[in-house]
Amino acid sequence: MKILMAGEINVDLILQNYHSFPELGKEVLVDDCFLTLGSASLICAMGLAKLGEEVAFLGKIGCDAYGEFCTERMEQGGIDVSRVIRDPKIKTGITVSISSPKDRALVTYLGAITELRGEDVPASAMAGFGHVHVSSYFLQEGLRPGVHDLFARAHAMGLTTSLDPGYDPSEQWAADILETLRETDVFFPNEVELCAIGRSSDFETALRAIQNGRTLIVAKLGRQGTMVLKNGKVLHVPAYTVQPVDTTGAGDSFDAGFLHAWFEKRPLADALRFGAACGALSTRGLGGTATQATVEEAENMIRRAQ
């Protein structure tokens, strides 16, 4: 499958294993640090490429060292970066991840993340592709108003679409995303995003509230596995047990794994298992892309768990 990623490009500075969580006026220590590719869209793109998909990226960066770092790493990962837009008037974004094996906190300078617009993704950019994916719906302030139209244009050209909302820093969780879902084939909220968008702390209730009869909603529930509605009934697949080094980007690697299996038209439960394996295996090392799964590694994890 030829996949176009329309999304944000930034680096992640990961501060690993804090001795205590930072407080104002105090200094704390961490055991390690690591500069790597960041952004949900980039991590998903790298995961898809690792699984053998043909991936191109369309996004904006500044003419700076962080931007060059990102494009070089993408090219090394087999991603076509010919559609990346370099703008000397903006800075490439950066996220500082204060991380531990249990969880993480993120601090982000958006920079170029907000600058991509729907009109930056014309029909000519989508020609020849089979699928378009967007992540970080709420962070991509420039692209967000145009995602519905972008997906509608993609569908008119015969492409399928998928969307990962990411966290809403404003915590407003505005209803425009529900309208965008009307042109979305696969939607990937995590447990926090699901409950916020669905206005319920109960996973199933929130899932049913978002359901529109068209979109396949794949709820990523962390250690509680994944949940979808199939013919009106809940299908739940448990998570795989791992000892994580860093959970950064695990949900984005899940997206990549699920989409790979979905493109192959595997049964829904099998696609959920494959996505879960890719998400779990991505936590073996620092950063979202360092230990992403190959097809063989994901299949081996699934077989061992049977």
C-alpha atoms as a PDB file:
ATOM      1  CA  MET A   1       0.000   0.000   0.000  1.00  0.00           C
ATOM      2  CA  LYS A   2       1.221   3.519  -0.819  1.00  0.00           C
ATOM      3  CA  ILE A   3       0.514   5.736   2.179  1.00  0.00           C
ATOM      4  CA  LEU A   4       0.654   9.519   2.453  1.00  0.00           C
ATOM      5  CA  MET A   5       1.207  10.913   5.942  1.00  0.00           C
ATOM      6  CA  ALA A   6       0.009  14.516   6.252  1.00  0.00           C
ATOM      7  CA  GLY A   7       1.296  15.654   9.570  1.00  0.00           C
ATOM      8  CA  GLU A   8       3.560  17.242  12.084  1.00  0.00           C
ATOM      9  CA  ILE A   9       7.340  16.934  12.178  1.00  0.00           C
ATOM     10  CA  ASN A  10       9.335  17.502  15.341  1.00  0.00           C
ATOM     11  CA  VAL A  11      12.075  16.009  17.465  1.00  0.00           C
ATOM     12  CA  ASP A  12      11.708  14.384  20.867  1.00  0.00           C
ATOM     13  CA  LEU A  13      14.202  15.021  23.640  1.00  0.00           C
ATOM     14  CA  ILE A  14      13.597  12.148  26.025  1.00  0.00           C
ATOM     15  CA  LEU A  15      14.693  12.498  29.647  1.00  0.00           C
ATOM     16  CA  GLN A  16      14.558   8.957  30.920  1.00  0.00           C
ATOM     17  CA  ASN A  17      13.933   7.603  34.429  1.00  0.00           C
ATOM     18  CA  TYR A  18      13.482  10.693  36.577  1.00  0.00           C
ATOM     19  CA  HIS A  19      14.495  10.301  40.229  1.00  0.00           C
ATOM     20  CA  SER A  20      11.551  12.489  41.210  1.00  0.00           C
ATOM     21  CA  PHE A  21       9.141  14.431  39.052  1.00  0.00           C
ATOM     22  CA  PRO A  22      10.130  18.088  38.441  1.00  0.00           C
ATOM     23  CA  GLU A  23       8.757  20.778  40.724  1.00  0.00           C
ATOM     24  CA  LEU A  24       8.989  24.546  40.362  1.00  0.00           C
ATOM     25  CA  GLY A  25      12.166  25.948  41.882  1.00  0.00           C
ATOM     26  CA  LYS A  26      13.830  22.525  42.131  1.00  0.00           C
ATOM     27  CA  GLU A  27      16.254  20.519  39.998  1.00  0.00           C
ATOM     28  CA  VAL A  28      15.867  16.786  39.507  1.00  0.00           C
ATOM     29  CA  LEU A  29      18.070  14.193  37.798  1.00  0.00           C
ATOM     30  CA  VAL A  30      17.382  11.589  35.149  1.00  0.00           C
ATOM     31  CA  ASP A  31      19.352   8.470  34.239  1.00  0.00           C
ATOM     32  CA  ASP A  32      19.599   9.046  30.489  1.00  0.00           C
ATOM     33  CA  CYS A  33      18.686  11.368  27.639  1.00  0.00           C
ATOM     34  CA  PHE A  34      18.076  10.756  23.966  1.00  0.00           C
ATOM     35  CA  LEU A  35      17.293  12.920  20.912  1.00  0.00           C
ATOM     36  CA  THR A  36      15.113  11.133  18.398  1.00  0.00           C
ATOM     37  CA  LEU A  37      12.328  11.539  15.891  1.00  0.00           C
ATOM     38  CA  GLY A  38       9.179  12.806  17.528  1.00  0.00           C
ATOM     39  CA  SER A  39       5.547  13.484  16.645  1.00  0.00           C
ATOM     40  CA  ALA A  40       2.773  10.961  16.392  1.00  0.00           C
ATOM     41  CA  SER A  41       2.678  11.205  12.602  1.00  0.00           C
ATOM     42  CA  LEU A  42       6.415  10.561  12.233  1.00  0.00           C
ATOM     43  CA  ILE A  43       6.410   7.601  14.620  1.00  0.00           C
ATOM     44  CA  CYS A  44       3.464   6.033  12.806  1.00  0.00           C
ATOM     45  CA  ALA A  45       5.150   6.645   9.435  1.00  0.00           C
ATOM     46  CA  MET A  46       8.388   5.020  10.581  1.00  0.00           C
ATOM     47  CA  GLY A  47       6.449   2.051  11.959  1.00  0.00           C
ATOM     48  CA  LEU A  48       4.637   1.541   8.668  1.00  0.00           C
ATOM     49  CA  ALA A  49       7.906   1.722   6.734  1.00  0.00           C
ATOM     50  CA  LYS A  50       9.483  -0.815   9.113  1.00  0.00           C
ATOM     51  CA  LEU A  51       6.577  -3.157   8.303  1.00  0.00           C
ATOM     52  CA  GLY A  52       7.319  -2.857   4.587  1.00  0.00           C
ATOM     53  CA  GLU A  53       4.753  -0.263   3.530  1.00  0.00           C
ATOM     54  CA  GLU A  54       5.593   2.437   0.970  1.00  0.00           C
ATOM     55  CA  VAL A  55       5.320   5.725   2.865  1.00  0.00           C
ATOM     56  CA  ALA A  56       5.633   9.377   1.844  1.00  0.00           C
ATOM     57  CA  PHE A  57       5.471  12.302   4.267  1.00  0.00           C
ATOM     58  CA  LEU A  58       3.996  15.755   3.713  1.00  0.00           C
ATOM     59  CA  GLY A  59       4.635  18.277   6.482  1.00  0.00           C
ATOM     60  CA  LYS A  60       6.434  21.503   7.329  1.00  0.00           C
ATOM     61  CA  ILE A  61       9.788  22.116   8.988  1.00  0.00           C
ATOM     62  CA  GLY A  62      12.034  25.087   9.594  1.00  0.00           C
ATOM     63  CA  CYS A  63      15.359  25.493   7.818  1.00  0.00           C
ATOM     64  CA  ASP A  64      17.198  24.425  10.953  1.00  0.00           C
ATOM     65  CA  ALA A  65      19.168  21.579  12.503  1.00  0.00           C
ATOM     66  CA  TYR A  66      16.112  19.871  13.987  1.00  0.00           C
ATOM     67  CA  GLY A  67      14.390  19.870  10.600  1.00  0.00           C
ATOM     68  CA  GLU A  68      17.439  18.386   8.885  1.00  0.00           C
ATOM     69  CA  PHE A  69      17.737  15.769  11.626  1.00  0.00           C
ATOM     70  CA  CYS A  70      14.135  14.686  11.014  1.00  0.00           C
ATOM     71  CA  THR A  71      14.372  14.459   7.228  1.00  0.00           C
ATOM     72  CA  GLU A  72      17.667  12.572   7.382  1.00  0.00           C
ATOM     73  CA  ARG A  73      16.238  10.023   9.810  1.00  0.00           C
ATOM     74  CA  MET A  74      13.087   9.624   7.736  1.00  0.00           C
ATOM     75  CA  GLU A  75      15.131   8.979   4.596  1.00  0.00           C
ATOM     76  CA  GLN A  76      17.211   6.418   6.498  1.00  0.00           C
ATOM     77  CA  GLY A  77      13.942   4.729   7.475  1.00  0.00           C
ATOM     78  CA  GLY A  78      12.872   4.463   3.839  1.00  0.00           C
ATOM     79  CA  ILE A  79      10.335   7.328   3.824  1.00  0.00           C
ATOM     80  CA  ASP A  80       9.912   9.603   0.794  1.00  0.00           C
ATOM     81  CA  VAL A  81      10.473  13.196   2.036  1.00  0.00           C
ATOM     82  CA  SER A  82      10.152  14.949  -1.327  1.00  0.00           C
ATOM     83  CA  ARG A  83       6.861  16.539  -0.215  1.00  0.00           C
ATOM     84  CA  VAL A  84       8.283  18.011   3.013  1.00  0.00           C
ATOM     85  CA  ILE A  85       8.004  21.821   2.923  1.00  0.00           C
ATOM     86  CA  ARG A  86      10.942  23.832   4.314  1.00  0.00           C
ATOM     87  CA  ASP A  87      10.081  27.342   5.521  1.00  0.00           C
ATOM     88  CA  PRO A  88      12.829  29.699   6.780  1.00  0.00           C
ATOM     89  CA  LYS A  89      10.253  31.802   8.672  1.00  0.00           C
ATOM     90  CA  ILE A  90       9.356  29.031  11.150  1.00  0.00           C
ATOM     91  CA  LYS A  91      11.136  26.730  13.596  1.00  0.00           C
ATOM     92  CA  THR A  92      10.861  22.967  13.722  1.00  0.00           C
ATOM     93  CA  GLY A  93       8.978  21.893  16.842  1.00  0.00           C
ATOM     94  CA  ILE A  94      10.380  19.986  19.790  1.00  0.00           C
ATOM     95  CA  THR A  95       8.821  17.860  22.524  1.00  0.00           C
ATOM     96  CA  VAL A  96      10.571  17.184  25.823  1.00  0.00           C
ATOM     97  CA  SER A  97       9.406  13.842  27.198  1.00  0.00           C
ATOM     98  CA  ILE A  98       9.995  13.347  30.925  1.00  0.00           C
ATOM     99  CA  SER A  99       9.645   9.602  30.948  1.00  0.00           C
ATOM    100  CA  SER A 100       9.654   6.484  33.116  1.00  0.00           C
ATOM    101  CA  PRO A 101       8.676   2.874  32.427  1.00  0.00           C
ATOM    102  CA  LYS A 102       5.222   3.587  33.895  1.00  0.00           C
ATOM    103  CA  ASP A 103       4.268   6.821  32.154  1.00  0.00           C
ATOM    104  CA  ARG A 104       5.494  10.129  30.793  1.00  0.00           C
ATOM    105  CA  ALA A 105       4.788  13.855  30.772  1.00  0.00           C
ATOM    106  CA  LEU A 106       5.289  15.948  27.641  1.00  0.00           C
ATOM    107  CA  VAL A 107       6.258  19.584  27.121  1.00  0.00           C
ATOM    108  CA  THR A 108       5.980  20.764  23.495  1.00  0.00           C
ATOM    109  CA  TYR A 109       7.043  23.820  21.506  1.00  0.00           C
ATOM    110  CA  LEU A 110       4.713  23.577  18.519  1.00  0.00           C
ATOM    111  CA  GLY A 111       6.653  25.661  16.003  1.00  0.00           C
ATOM    112  CA  ALA A 112       6.061  24.295  12.507  1.00  0.00           C
ATOM    113  CA  ILE A 113       3.481  21.818  13.817  1.00  0.00           C
ATOM    114  CA  THR A 114       0.755  24.470  13.551  1.00  0.00           C
ATOM    115  CA  GLU A 115       1.707  25.687  10.074  1.00  0.00           C
ATOM    116  CA  LEU A 116       0.499  22.913   7.754  1.00  0.00           C
ATOM    117  CA  ARG A 117      -2.801  23.750   6.024  1.00  0.00           C
ATOM    118  CA  GLY A 118      -5.334  21.716   4.100  1.00  0.00           C
ATOM    119  CA  GLU A 119      -4.414  23.572   0.914  1.00  0.00           C
ATOM    120  CA  ASP A 120      -0.828  22.307   1.364  1.00  0.00           C
ATOM    121  CA  VAL A 121      -2.164  18.833   0.497  1.00  0.00           C
ATOM    122  CA  PRO A 122      -3.559  19.254  -3.045  1.00  0.00           C
ATOM    123  CA  ALA A 123      -4.948  16.457  -5.180  1.00  0.00           C
ATOM    124  CA  SER A 124      -1.614  16.212  -6.981  1.00  0.00           C
ATOM    125  CA  ALA A 125       0.105  15.301  -3.688  1.00  0.00           C
ATOM    126  CA  MET A 126      -2.323  12.403  -3.153  1.00  0.00           C
ATOM    127  CA  ALA A 127      -2.202  11.070  -6.708  1.00  0.00           C
ATOM    128  CA  GLY A 128      -1.012   7.465  -6.843  1.00  0.00           C
ATOM    129  CA  PHE A 129      -1.587   6.756  -3.151  1.00  0.00           C
ATOM    130  CA  GLY A 130      -4.033   4.324  -1.583  1.00  0.00           C
ATOM    131  CA  HIS A 131      -4.357   5.781   1.915  1.00  0.00           C
ATOM    132  CA  VAL A 132      -3.875   9.050   3.806  1.00  0.00           C
ATOM    133  CA  HIS A 133      -3.276   9.240   7.563  1.00  0.00           C
ATOM    134  CA  VAL A 134      -3.372  12.226   9.923  1.00  0.00           C
ATOM    135  CA  SER A 135      -2.302  12.229  13.570  1.00  0.00           C
ATOM    136  CA  SER A 136      -2.370  14.929  16.269  1.00  0.00           C
ATOM    137  CA  TYR A 137      -5.657  16.418  15.106  1.00  0.00           C
ATOM    138  CA  PHE A 138      -5.868  18.854  18.010  1.00  0.00           C
ATOM    139  CA  LEU A 139      -2.209  19.923  17.892  1.00  0.00           C
ATOM    140  CA  GLN A 140      -2.230  20.631  14.163  1.00  0.00           C
ATOM    141  CA  GLU A 141      -4.112  23.899  14.485  1.00  0.00           C
ATOM    142  CA  GLY A 142      -3.534  24.917  10.867  1.00  0.00           C
ATOM    143  CA  LEU A 143      -4.532  21.567   9.348  1.00  0.00           C
ATOM    144  CA  ARG A 144      -7.421  20.798  11.701  1.00  0.00           C
ATOM    145  CA  PRO A 145     -10.093  22.939   9.956  1.00  0.00           C
ATOM    146  CA  GLY A 146      -9.232  21.296   6.640  1.00  0.00           C
ATOM    147  CA  VAL A 147      -9.049  17.615   7.627  1.00  0.00           C
ATOM    148  CA  HIS A 148     -12.709  16.932   6.797  1.00  0.00           C
ATOM    149  CA  ASP A 149     -12.287  18.388   3.312  1.00  0.00           C
ATOM    150  CA  LEU A 150      -8.909  16.675   2.870  1.00  0.00           C
ATOM    151  CA  PHE A 151     -10.433  13.292   3.673  1.00  0.00           C
ATOM    152  CA  ALA A 152     -13.443  13.985   1.440  1.00  0.00           C
ATOM    153  CA  ARG A 153     -11.098  14.772  -1.450  1.00  0.00           C
ATOM    154  CA  ALA A 154      -9.098  11.628  -0.669  1.00  0.00           C
ATOM    155  CA  HIS A 155     -12.252   9.500  -0.764  1.00  0.00           C
ATOM    156  CA  ALA A 156     -13.270  11.060  -4.077  1.00  0.00           C
ATOM    157  CA  MET A 157      -9.892   9.931  -5.453  1.00  0.00           C
ATOM    158  CA  GLY A 158     -10.385   6.380  -4.128  1.00  0.00           C
ATOM    159  CA  LEU A 159      -8.101   6.611  -1.065  1.00  0.00           C
ATOM    160  CA  THR A 160      -8.987   5.339   2.391  1.00  0.00           C
ATOM    161  CA  THR A 161      -8.370   7.519   5.468  1.00  0.00           C
ATOM    162  CA  SER A 162      -7.380   7.214   9.118  1.00  0.00           C
ATOM    163  CA  LEU A 163      -7.090   9.648  12.011  1.00  0.00           C
ATOM    164  CA  ASP A 164      -5.438   9.629  15.433  1.00  0.00           C
ATOM    165  CA  PRO A 165      -6.729  12.580  17.488  1.00  0.00           C
ATOM    166  CA  GLY A 166      -3.912  12.927  19.999  1.00  0.00           C
ATOM    167  CA  TYR A 167      -4.423  14.893  23.185  1.00  0.00           C
ATOM    168  CA  ASP A 168      -6.218  18.251  23.169  1.00  0.00           C
ATOM    169  CA  PRO A 169      -4.063  20.676  25.213  1.00  0.00           C
ATOM    170  CA  SER A 170      -7.056  22.998  25.597  1.00  0.00           C
ATOM    171  CA  GLU A 171      -9.103  20.072  26.974  1.00  0.00           C
ATOM    172  CA  GLN A 172     -12.141  21.419  25.121  1.00  0.00           C
ATOM    173  CA  TRP A 173     -12.500  18.343  22.874  1.00  0.00           C
ATOM    174  CA  ALA A 174     -14.680  20.344  20.471  1.00  0.00           C
ATOM    175  CA  ALA A 175     -17.345  18.569  18.461  1.00  0.00           C
ATOM    176  CA  ASP A 176     -15.794  19.405  15.068  1.00  0.00           C
ATOM    177  CA  ILE A 177     -13.933  16.110  15.313  1.00  0.00           C
ATOM    178  CA  LEU A 178     -17.257  14.256  15.118  1.00  0.00           C
ATOM    179  CA  GLU A 179     -17.970  15.920  11.779  1.00  0.00           C
ATOM    180  CA  THR A 180     -14.470  14.994  10.571  1.00  0.00           C
ATOM    181  CA  LEU A 181     -15.162  11.367  11.500  1.00  0.00           C
ATOM    182  CA  ARG A 182     -17.886  11.284   8.847  1.00  0.00           C
ATOM    183  CA  GLU A 183     -15.051  11.205   6.292  1.00  0.00           C
ATOM    184  CA  THR A 184     -12.765   8.930   8.351  1.00  0.00           C
ATOM    185  CA  ASP A 185     -12.448   5.189   7.765  1.00  0.00           C
ATOM    186  CA  VAL A 186     -10.414   4.296  10.887  1.00  0.00           C
ATOM    187  CA  PHE A 187     -10.202   6.337  14.102  1.00  0.00           C
ATOM    188  CA  PHE A 188      -7.577   5.651  16.808  1.00  0.00           C
ATOM    189  CA  PRO A 189      -8.385   7.329  20.173  1.00  0.00           C
ATOM    190  CA  ASN A 190      -6.624   6.205  23.348  1.00  0.00           C
ATOM    191  CA  GLU A 191      -8.549   5.766  26.595  1.00  0.00           C
ATOM    192  CA  VAL A 192      -8.290   9.434  27.638  1.00  0.00           C
ATOM    193  CA  GLU A 193      -9.249  10.712  24.188  1.00  0.00           C
ATOM    194  CA  LEU A 194     -12.103   8.208  23.865  1.00  0.00           C
ATOM    195  CA  CYS A 195     -13.688   9.214  27.169  1.00  0.00           C
ATOM    196  CA  ALA A 196     -13.232  12.932  26.525  1.00  0.00           C
ATOM    197  CA  ILE A 197     -14.674  12.877  22.998  1.00  0.00           C
ATOM    198  CA  GLY A 198     -17.432  10.433  23.975  1.00  0.00           C
ATOM    199  CA  ARG A 199     -18.246  12.409  27.156  1.00  0.00           C
ATOM    200  CA  SER A 200     -18.239   9.342  29.393  1.00  0.00           C
ATOM    201  CA  SER A 201     -15.798   7.646  31.753  1.00  0.00           C
ATOM    202  CA  ASP A 202     -17.165   4.267  30.656  1.00  0.00           C
ATOM    203  CA  PHE A 203     -15.292   2.960  27.622  1.00  0.00           C
ATOM    204  CA  GLU A 204     -18.223   1.198  25.979  1.00  0.00           C
ATOM    205  CA  THR A 205     -20.593   4.107  26.531  1.00  0.00           C
ATOM    206  CA  ALA A 206     -18.083   6.538  25.047  1.00  0.00           C
ATOM    207  CA  LEU A 207     -17.447   4.237  22.110  1.00  0.00           C
ATOM    208  CA  ARG A 208     -21.151   3.988  21.336  1.00  0.00           C
ATOM    209  CA  ALA A 209     -21.562   7.757  21.660  1.00  0.00           C
ATOM    210  CA  ILE A 210     -18.939   8.377  18.967  1.00  0.00           C
ATOM    211  CA  GLN A 211     -20.120   5.607  16.653  1.00  0.00           C
ATOM    212  CA  ASN A 212     -21.523   7.027  13.414  1.00  0.00           C
ATOM    213  CA  GLY A 213     -22.249   3.876  11.411  1.00  0.00           C
ATOM    214  CA  ARG A 214     -19.330   4.497   9.061  1.00  0.00           C
ATOM    215  CA  THR A 215     -16.071   4.869  10.963  1.00  0.00           C
ATOM    216  CA  LEU A 216     -14.235   1.925  12.490  1.00  0.00           C
ATOM    217  CA  ILE A 217     -13.302   3.215  15.949  1.00  0.00           C
ATOM    218  CA  VAL A 218     -10.317   1.389  17.418  1.00  0.00           C
ATOM    219  CA  ALA A 219     -10.046   2.328  21.099  1.00  0.00           C
ATOM    220  CA  LYS A 220      -6.532   1.897  22.506  1.00  0.00           C
ATOM    221  CA  LEU A 221      -6.911   1.226  26.233  1.00  0.00           C
ATOM    222  CA  GLY A 222      -3.288   0.733  27.278  1.00  0.00           C
ATOM    223  CA  ARG A 223      -2.846  -2.246  29.581  1.00  0.00           C
ATOM    224  CA  GLN A 224      -6.556  -3.001  29.186  1.00  0.00           C
ATOM    225  CA  GLY A 225      -6.076  -3.837  25.525  1.00  0.00           C
ATOM    226  CA  THR A 226      -8.162  -2.618  22.610  1.00  0.00           C
ATOM    227  CA  MET A 227     -11.883  -2.361  22.009  1.00  0.00           C
ATOM    228  CA  VAL A 228     -14.044  -1.932  18.913  1.00  0.00           C
ATOM    229  CA  LEU A 229     -17.712  -2.302  18.080  1.00  0.00           C
ATOM    230  CA  LYS A 230     -18.395  -4.983  15.493  1.00  0.00           C
ATOM    231  CA  ASN A 231     -21.998  -5.351  14.343  1.00  0.00           C
ATOM    232  CA  GLY A 232     -23.080  -3.501  17.470  1.00  0.00           C
ATOM    233  CA  LYS A 233     -21.218  -5.829  19.816  1.00  0.00           C
ATOM    234  CA  VAL A 234     -18.006  -5.163  21.736  1.00  0.00           C
ATOM    235  CA  LEU A 235     -14.875  -6.916  20.504  1.00  0.00           C
ATOM    236  CA  HIS A 236     -12.076  -6.747  23.068  1.00  0.00           C
ATOM    237  CA  VAL A 237      -8.494  -7.915  22.559  1.00  0.00           C
ATOM    238  CA  PRO A 238      -6.177  -7.930  25.601  1.00  0.00           C
ATOM    239  CA  ALA A 239      -2.792  -6.229  25.662  1.00  0.00           C
ATOM    240  CA  TYR A 240       0.500  -8.123  25.591  1.00  0.00           C
ATOM    241  CA  THR A 241       2.542  -8.174  28.784  1.00  0.00           C
ATOM    242  CA  VAL A 242       5.941  -6.502  28.438  1.00  0.00           C
ATOM    243  CA  GLN A 243       8.500  -4.785  30.670  1.00  0.00           C
ATOM    244  CA  PRO A 244       8.653  -1.373  28.983  1.00  0.00           C
ATOM    245  CA  VAL A 245      11.768   0.754  28.806  1.00  0.00           C
ATOM    246  CA  ASP A 246       9.902   3.762  27.351  1.00  0.00           C
ATOM    247  CA  THR A 247       6.234   4.020  26.339  1.00  0.00           C
ATOM    248  CA  THR A 248       6.753   7.019  24.030  1.00  0.00           C
ATOM    249  CA  GLY A 249       4.852   6.507  20.777  1.00  0.00           C
ATOM    250  CA  ALA A 250       3.492   3.052  21.619  1.00  0.00           C
ATOM    251  CA  GLY A 251       0.027   4.094  20.467  1.00  0.00           C
ATOM    252  CA  ASP A 252       1.433   5.376  17.172  1.00  0.00           C
ATOM    253  CA  SER A 253       3.229   2.083  16.595  1.00  0.00           C
ATOM    254  CA  PHE A 254      -0.089   0.351  17.328  1.00  0.00           C
ATOM    255  CA  ASP A 255      -1.682   2.502  14.601  1.00  0.00           C
ATOM    256  CA  ALA A 256       1.016   1.410  12.145  1.00  0.00           C
ATOM    257  CA  GLY A 257       0.585  -2.254  13.000  1.00  0.00           C
ATOM    258  CA  PHE A 258      -3.193  -2.188  12.798  1.00  0.00           C
ATOM    259  CA  LEU A 259      -3.179  -0.326   9.487  1.00  0.00           C
ATOM    260  CA  HIS A 260      -0.668  -2.791   8.013  1.00  0.00           C
ATOM    261  CA  ALA A 261      -2.942  -5.710   8.933  1.00  0.00           C
ATOM    262  CA  TRP A 262      -6.076  -3.807   7.861  1.00  0.00           C
ATOM    263  CA  PHE A 263      -4.552  -3.112   4.440  1.00  0.00           C
ATOM    264  CA  GLU A 264      -4.015  -6.865   4.131  1.00  0.00           C
ATOM    265  CA  LYS A 265      -7.721  -7.380   4.961  1.00  0.00           C
ATOM    266  CA  ARG A 266      -6.970  -9.595   7.940  1.00  0.00           C
ATOM    267  CA  PRO A 267      -9.896 -10.410  10.274  1.00  0.00           C
ATOM    268  CA  LEU A 268     -10.555  -7.549  12.692  1.00  0.00           C
ATOM    269  CA  ALA A 269      -9.440  -9.460  15.794  1.00  0.00           C
ATOM    270  CA  ASP A 270      -6.191 -10.433  14.054  1.00  0.00           C
ATOM    271  CA  ALA A 271      -5.557  -6.823  13.035  1.00  0.00           C
ATOM    272  CA  LEU A 272      -6.077  -5.724  16.644  1.00  0.00           C
ATOM    273  CA  ARG A 273      -3.605  -8.359  17.865  1.00  0.00           C
ATOM    274  CA  PHE A 274      -1.040  -7.311  15.297  1.00  0.00           C
ATOM    275  CA  GLY A 275      -1.419  -3.664  16.275  1.00  0.00           C
ATOM    276  CA  ALA A 276      -1.121  -4.540  19.953  1.00  0.00           C
ATOM    277  CA  ALA A 277       2.060  -6.525  19.300  1.00  0.00           C
ATOM    278  CA  CYS A 278       3.613  -3.617  17.387  1.00  0.00           C
ATOM    279  CA  GLY A 279       2.703  -1.213  20.180  1.00  0.00           C
ATOM    280  CA  ALA A 280       4.146  -3.470  22.866  1.00  0.00           C
ATOM    281  CA  LEU A 281       7.380  -4.189  21.020  1.00  0.00           C
ATOM    282  CA  SER A 282       8.011  -0.485  20.434  1.00  0.00           C
ATOM    283  CA  THR A 283       8.493   0.037  24.193  1.00  0.00           C
ATOM    284  CA  ARG A 284      11.716  -2.029  24.287  1.00  0.00           C
ATOM    285  CA  GLY A 285      14.008   0.995  23.838  1.00  0.00           C
ATOM    286  CA  LEU A 286      14.213   4.747  24.221  1.00  0.00           C
ATOM    287  CA  GLY A 287      12.092   6.820  21.855  1.00  0.00           C
ATOM    288  CA  GLY A 288       9.179   5.926  19.655  1.00  0.00           C
ATOM    289  CA  THR A 289      11.124   4.548  16.665  1.00  0.00           C
ATOM    290  CA  ALA A 290      14.262   2.800  17.986  1.00  0.00           C
ATOM    291  CA  THR A 291      12.686  -0.632  18.558  1.00  0.00           C
ATOM    292  CA  GLN A 292       9.630  -0.673  16.320  1.00  0.00           C
ATOM    293  CA  ALA A 293       8.582  -4.126  15.228  1.00  0.00           C
ATOM    294  CA  THR A 294       9.197  -5.957  12.002  1.00  0.00           C
ATOM    295  CA  VAL A 295       6.414  -8.183  10.674  1.00  0.00           C
ATOM    296  CA  GLU A 296       8.312 -11.256  11.874  1.00  0.00           C
ATOM    297  CA  GLU A 297       8.765  -9.897  15.400  1.00  0.00           C
ATOM    298  CA  ALA A 298       5.080  -9.012  15.717  1.00  0.00           C
ATOM    299  CA  GLU A 299       3.980 -12.401  14.405  1.00  0.00           C
ATOM    300  CA  ASN A 300       6.333 -14.164  16.835  1.00  0.00           C
ATOM    301  CA  MET A 301       4.860 -12.261  19.784  1.00  0.00           C
ATOM    302  CA  ILE A 302       1.340 -13.209  18.728  1.00  0.00           C
ATOM    303  CA  ARG A 303       2.282 -16.885  18.375  1.00  0.00           C
ATOM    304  CA  ARG A 304       3.993 -16.985  21.766  1.00  0.00           C
ATOM    305  CA  ALA A 305       0.890 -15.579  23.425  1.00  0.00           C
ATOM    306  CA  GLN A 306      -1.477 -18.171  21.936  1.00  0.00           C
END
